[in-house]
Amino acid sequence: MIHPGPRAAERAVAVPASLRRIGGVLPAGRTVMTAVARLFADAGCKGGVVWLDDVTCDPMRFVLPALSTDGIHAAWYSDTHAPDGPVGIDRATATVGWKDGAPFLHCHGTWGGTMGHLLPLDSVLAADARVTGIGTPDAWFEAMPDAETAFTLFTPQGGGAGTGLLARIRPGEDVVTAIEALCARHGIADARLHGVGSIDHIRFTDGGRMDCHATELRLDGAALAQGRATVPIEVVDIAGTIMRGTLERGMNPVGVTLELIVERTDT
């Protein structure tokens, strides 16, 4: 994947975060964004991650990854998908932060037999839904212009004395080894790993492969044990094909970005 701007010197950025488990009910009738923003505000948290498993939306609005046609970006998004009636989310991961002074989230998940990138301002909760997440009061993701990719991307900000991390890995870095190097720099040997992002052509440990440069993925039970990362994912390509598997070491370069929450377990 060839991006239009200058390559940033720092290939993985991270801030320490005091992570804590949170949970609550997202009320029917609110947009996903409004409901998640209230959940995090009530918990005193500025950012983190939330899982939207078993949430039902009506309307549900989402996009798929797509090829770019503007001559600038290396990849883009499809037209908005707008299915009729309620749609149940099977599994979804959303990183939570801020954009233009307001709460925002970045969500990839599976629903209605497909997978995609949820539009949280346009998707409305059809029923009350209990969800869980991980929040932090002292760190967050901020949507910021990124010269390298020409996208506006979630970038970790703030930071305190916590033992966890909010992080972003930049394009071209191998997901598995970049996670390991990042955690080693911060003295973390064991952790649960959560996040969303994209990979340019995917290779799985079982020999499976997704030959597409524009993808959308969520980590699905990824972990670091004694400094070594195991990274299962769910992912969709531009044709709507969904695959699941564990990433092969050294073979999976980040496409546009990988947003990562490192929940340390070795303390």
Protein backbone atom coordinates (compact mmCIF):
# COMPACT_ATOMS: atom_id res chain seq x y z
CA MET A 1 0.00 0.00 0.00
CA ILE A 2 1.52 3.31 -1.10
CA HIS A 3 0.44 6.34 0.90
CA PRO A 4 0.68 9.90 -0.42
CA GLY A 5 2.54 11.69 2.36
CA PRO A 6 5.96 11.60 4.02
CA ARG A 7 6.72 8.55 6.14
CA ALA A 8 6.52 9.39 9.85
CA ALA A 9 9.69 8.63 11.78
CA GLU A 10 7.91 7.04 14.75
CA ARG A 11 6.16 3.87 13.56
CA ALA A 12 4.28 3.04 16.76
CA VAL A 13 2.99 5.65 19.18
CA ALA A 14 1.62 4.91 22.64
CA VAL A 15 0.63 6.60 25.88
CA PRO A 16 0.33 4.94 29.31
CA ALA A 17 -3.24 4.55 30.52
CA SER A 18 -4.99 3.64 33.75
CA LEU A 19 -7.39 1.04 32.37
CA ARG A 20 -10.51 -0.13 34.17
CA ARG A 21 -13.41 -2.36 33.19
CA ILE A 22 -16.70 -0.56 32.65
CA GLY A 23 -20.20 -1.62 31.66
CA GLY A 24 -23.80 -0.54 31.46
CA VAL A 25 -26.95 -0.42 29.38
CA LEU A 26 -27.13 1.52 26.11
CA PRO A 27 -30.74 2.76 25.95
CA ALA A 28 -33.03 2.23 22.99
CA GLY A 29 -33.74 5.23 20.79
CA ARG A 30 -30.30 6.83 21.03
CA THR A 31 -27.63 6.73 18.38
CA VAL A 32 -24.79 4.35 19.12
CA MET A 33 -22.47 7.32 19.49
CA THR A 34 -24.67 9.20 21.96
CA ALA A 35 -25.22 6.10 24.08
CA VAL A 36 -21.53 5.09 24.20
CA ALA A 37 -20.49 8.67 24.96
CA ARG A 38 -22.86 8.70 27.97
CA LEU A 39 -21.55 5.32 29.16
CA PHE A 40 -17.98 6.58 29.15
CA ALA A 41 -18.86 9.95 30.69
CA ASP A 42 -20.76 8.26 33.53
CA ALA A 43 -17.69 6.09 34.18
CA GLY A 44 -15.42 9.14 34.24
CA CYS A 45 -13.48 7.89 31.22
CA LYS A 46 -12.19 9.84 28.21
CA GLY A 47 -11.34 6.92 25.95
CA GLY A 48 -10.81 3.19 25.62
CA VAL A 49 -12.68 0.35 23.95
CA VAL A 50 -16.23 -1.02 24.05
CA TRP A 51 -17.72 -4.23 22.69
CA LEU A 52 -21.11 -3.93 20.99
CA ASP A 53 -21.88 -7.67 20.91
CA ASP A 54 -25.61 -8.49 20.70
CA VAL A 55 -26.64 -4.86 20.10
CA THR A 56 -29.57 -4.35 17.68
CA CYS A 57 -29.84 -1.22 15.52
CA ASP A 58 -32.67 0.22 13.45
CA PRO A 59 -31.60 1.92 11.33
CA MET A 60 -28.17 0.35 10.88
CA ARG A 61 -25.71 2.16 8.66
CA PHE A 62 -22.23 0.96 7.71
CA VAL A 63 -19.57 0.91 5.01
CA LEU A 64 -17.14 -1.67 3.65
CA PRO A 65 -13.52 -1.09 2.67
CA ALA A 66 -13.10 -0.05 -0.94
CA LEU A 67 -10.55 0.93 -3.53
CA SER A 68 -9.72 4.60 -3.71
CA THR A 69 -10.74 6.56 -6.78
CA ASP A 70 -9.52 10.03 -5.76
CA GLY A 71 -5.88 9.59 -6.75
CA ILE A 72 -4.78 10.48 -3.22
CA HIS A 73 -5.71 7.87 -0.65
CA ALA A 74 -4.37 4.32 -0.81
CA ALA A 75 -7.83 2.94 0.06
CA TRP A 76 -11.29 4.30 0.83
CA TYR A 77 -14.83 3.32 1.85
CA SER A 78 -17.82 1.96 -0.04
CA ASP A 79 -21.10 3.77 -0.38
CA THR A 80 -23.23 3.55 2.75
CA HIS A 81 -25.08 0.28 3.26
CA ALA A 82 -28.60 0.85 4.61
CA PRO A 83 -30.41 -2.45 5.26
CA ASP A 84 -34.15 -2.35 5.93
CA GLY A 85 -35.38 -3.02 9.46
CA PRO A 86 -33.48 -4.02 12.59
CA VAL A 87 -30.02 -5.56 12.31
CA GLY A 88 -28.42 -7.50 15.14
CA ILE A 89 -24.70 -7.09 15.74
CA ASP A 90 -22.99 -10.41 16.37
CA ARG A 91 -19.62 -9.10 17.53
CA ALA A 92 -18.10 -5.64 17.29
CA THR A 93 -15.14 -3.77 18.74
CA ALA A 94 -15.07 0.02 18.97
CA THR A 95 -12.18 2.21 20.02
CA VAL A 96 -13.48 5.32 21.79
CA GLY A 97 -12.12 8.84 21.80
CA TRP A 98 -12.79 12.32 20.43
CA LYS A 99 -13.19 14.10 17.10
CA ASP A 100 -13.69 17.85 16.58
CA GLY A 101 -14.34 18.39 20.29
CA ALA A 102 -17.02 15.69 20.63
CA PRO A 103 -16.95 12.00 21.56
CA PHE A 104 -16.38 9.64 18.66
CA LEU A 105 -15.73 5.95 18.06
CA HIS A 106 -14.25 3.68 15.40
CA CYS A 107 -16.10 0.36 15.15
CA HIS A 108 -15.59 -2.81 13.10
CA GLY A 109 -17.87 -5.80 13.53
CA THR A 110 -20.02 -8.55 12.07
CA TRP A 111 -23.79 -8.27 11.57
CA GLY A 112 -26.49 -9.49 9.23
CA GLY A 113 -24.22 -12.00 7.51
CA THR A 114 -21.59 -9.39 6.67
CA MET A 115 -18.88 -7.32 8.35
CA GLY A 116 -18.05 -3.65 8.13
CA HIS A 117 -17.31 -0.26 9.60
CA LEU A 118 -20.25 1.01 11.66
CA LEU A 119 -21.42 4.61 11.24
CA PRO A 120 -22.16 5.44 14.90
CA LEU A 121 -23.86 8.79 14.30
CA ASP A 122 -26.36 7.20 11.89
CA SER A 123 -27.09 3.88 13.63
CA VAL A 124 -29.79 3.90 16.32
CA LEU A 125 -30.31 1.40 19.14
CA ALA A 126 -33.53 -0.58 18.57
CA ALA A 127 -33.55 -2.03 22.10
CA ASP A 128 -31.76 -1.57 25.38
CA ALA A 129 -28.40 -3.35 25.23
CA ARG A 130 -25.98 -4.25 28.00
CA VAL A 131 -22.35 -3.81 26.95
CA THR A 132 -18.90 -3.96 28.48
CA GLY A 133 -15.71 -2.11 27.78
CA ILE A 134 -12.44 -0.79 29.11
CA GLY A 135 -12.11 2.90 29.89
CA THR A 136 -9.40 5.25 31.04
CA PRO A 137 -9.71 8.67 32.69
CA ASP A 138 -6.28 9.91 31.65
CA ALA A 139 -5.80 8.89 28.00
CA TRP A 140 -7.88 8.84 24.85
CA PHE A 141 -7.81 8.53 21.06
CA GLU A 142 -8.05 11.85 19.21
CA ALA A 143 -9.01 12.01 15.51
CA MET A 144 -6.14 13.97 13.96
CA PRO A 145 -5.00 14.72 10.40
CA ASP A 146 -2.28 12.30 9.36
CA ALA A 147 0.13 13.57 6.72
CA GLU A 148 1.43 10.13 5.76
CA THR A 149 -1.95 8.62 4.82
CA ALA A 150 -4.02 11.80 4.21
CA PHE A 151 -6.66 10.32 6.52
CA THR A 152 -7.92 11.69 9.82
CA LEU A 153 -6.95 8.93 12.25
CA PHE A 154 -7.35 8.09 15.91
CA THR A 155 -4.04 8.87 17.65
CA PRO A 156 -3.39 8.27 21.38
CA GLN A 157 -3.25 11.38 23.53
CA GLY A 158 -2.84 12.25 27.19
CA GLY A 159 -1.47 9.53 29.41
CA GLY A 160 -0.85 9.01 33.09
CA ALA A 161 0.83 6.58 35.44
CA GLY A 162 -1.23 3.55 34.43
CA THR A 163 0.20 0.19 33.44
CA GLY A 164 -1.86 -0.21 30.25
CA LEU A 165 -1.38 1.44 26.86
CA LEU A 166 -3.39 3.16 24.17
CA ALA A 167 -1.42 2.83 20.96
CA ARG A 168 -1.40 3.25 17.21
CA ILE A 169 0.75 1.30 14.78
CA ARG A 170 1.49 2.96 11.45
CA PRO A 171 1.34 1.58 7.89
CA GLY A 172 3.73 -1.11 6.72
CA GLU A 173 4.65 -2.39 10.18
CA ASP A 174 4.07 -6.09 10.74
CA VAL A 175 1.22 -6.39 13.23
CA VAL A 176 2.61 -9.24 15.34
CA THR A 177 6.21 -8.08 15.67
CA ALA A 178 5.25 -4.41 16.05
CA ILE A 179 2.97 -5.27 18.98
CA GLU A 180 5.77 -7.28 20.58
CA ALA A 181 8.32 -4.48 20.11
CA LEU A 182 5.92 -1.85 21.45
CA CYS A 183 5.13 -3.87 24.56
CA ALA A 184 8.81 -4.66 25.16
CA ARG A 185 9.63 -0.95 25.09
CA HIS A 186 7.09 -0.43 27.85
CA GLY A 187 8.20 -3.42 29.90
CA ILE A 188 5.02 -5.43 29.25
CA ALA A 189 5.35 -9.22 28.90
CA ASP A 190 1.75 -10.38 29.33
CA ALA A 191 -1.41 -8.61 28.18
CA ARG A 192 -4.80 -8.85 26.53
CA LEU A 193 -4.86 -6.98 23.22
CA HIS A 194 -7.90 -5.16 21.83
CA GLY A 195 -8.38 -3.01 18.77
CA VAL A 196 -9.36 -2.35 15.17
CA GLY A 197 -7.55 -1.48 11.97
CA SER A 198 -6.53 -2.75 8.55
CA ILE A 199 -3.91 -5.03 7.01
CA ASP A 200 -2.52 -4.96 3.47
CA HIS A 201 -2.88 -8.58 2.18
CA ILE A 202 -3.39 -11.00 5.06
CA ARG A 203 -1.60 -14.25 5.82
CA PHE A 204 -2.88 -16.66 8.48
CA THR A 205 -0.94 -19.32 10.38
CA ASP A 206 -3.08 -22.09 8.85
CA GLY A 207 -2.07 -21.06 5.32
CA GLY A 208 -5.21 -19.05 4.63
CA ARG A 209 -4.86 -15.69 2.93
CA MET A 210 -6.89 -12.62 2.00
CA ASP A 211 -5.37 -11.08 -1.12
CA CYS A 212 -6.77 -7.57 -0.83
CA HIS A 213 -5.02 -4.38 0.21
CA ALA A 214 -8.18 -2.68 1.57
CA THR A 215 -9.54 -4.54 4.61
CA GLU A 216 -11.27 -3.83 7.93
CA LEU A 217 -10.51 -5.97 10.97
CA ARG A 218 -11.03 -6.41 14.69
CA LEU A 219 -8.76 -8.26 17.09
CA ASP A 220 -10.58 -11.32 18.43
CA GLY A 221 -8.98 -12.74 21.57
CA ALA A 222 -5.46 -11.49 20.85
CA ALA A 223 -2.92 -11.76 23.67
CA LEU A 224 0.71 -11.31 24.62
CA ALA A 225 2.32 -14.11 26.67
CA GLN A 226 5.93 -13.88 27.85
CA GLY A 227 6.55 -11.22 25.23
CA ARG A 228 5.16 -13.19 22.29
CA ALA A 229 1.94 -12.08 20.58
CA THR A 230 -0.82 -14.34 19.26
CA VAL A 231 -3.24 -12.28 17.17
CA PRO A 232 -6.54 -13.83 16.01
CA ILE A 233 -8.71 -11.50 13.95
CA GLU A 234 -12.01 -11.18 12.08
CA VAL A 235 -11.65 -9.30 8.79
CA VAL A 236 -13.61 -8.27 5.70
CA ASP A 237 -12.40 -7.27 2.23
CA ILE A 238 -13.84 -5.04 -0.49
CA ALA A 239 -16.08 -7.86 -1.77
CA GLY A 240 -17.61 -8.44 1.66
CA THR A 241 -15.72 -11.71 2.18
CA ILE A 242 -15.19 -12.45 5.87
CA MET A 243 -12.29 -14.49 7.19
CA ARG A 244 -11.15 -15.48 10.67
CA GLY A 245 -7.74 -16.73 11.73
CA THR A 246 -4.49 -16.07 13.56
CA LEU A 247 -1.95 -13.77 11.91
CA GLU A 248 1.31 -15.21 10.63
CA ARG A 249 4.36 -13.53 12.17
CA GLY A 250 6.21 -11.13 9.87
CA MET A 251 3.67 -11.36 7.03
CA ASN A 252 0.93 -8.83 7.87
CA PRO A 253 1.74 -5.16 7.29
CA VAL A 254 -0.66 -2.56 8.68
CA GLY A 255 -2.65 -1.00 5.85
CA VAL A 256 -3.77 2.42 7.09
CA THR A 257 -3.70 2.10 10.88
CA LEU A 258 -4.03 -0.26 13.83
CA GLU A 259 -5.56 1.17 17.00
CA LEU A 260 -4.56 -0.90 20.01
CA ILE A 261 -5.45 -1.14 23.67
CA VAL A 262 -2.91 -3.12 25.70
CA GLU A 263 -4.48 -4.41 28.90
CA ARG A 264 -1.52 -5.51 30.99
CA THR A 265 -1.94 -8.75 32.96
CA ASP A 266 1.59 -9.24 34.37
CA THR A 267 1.22 -6.83 37.30
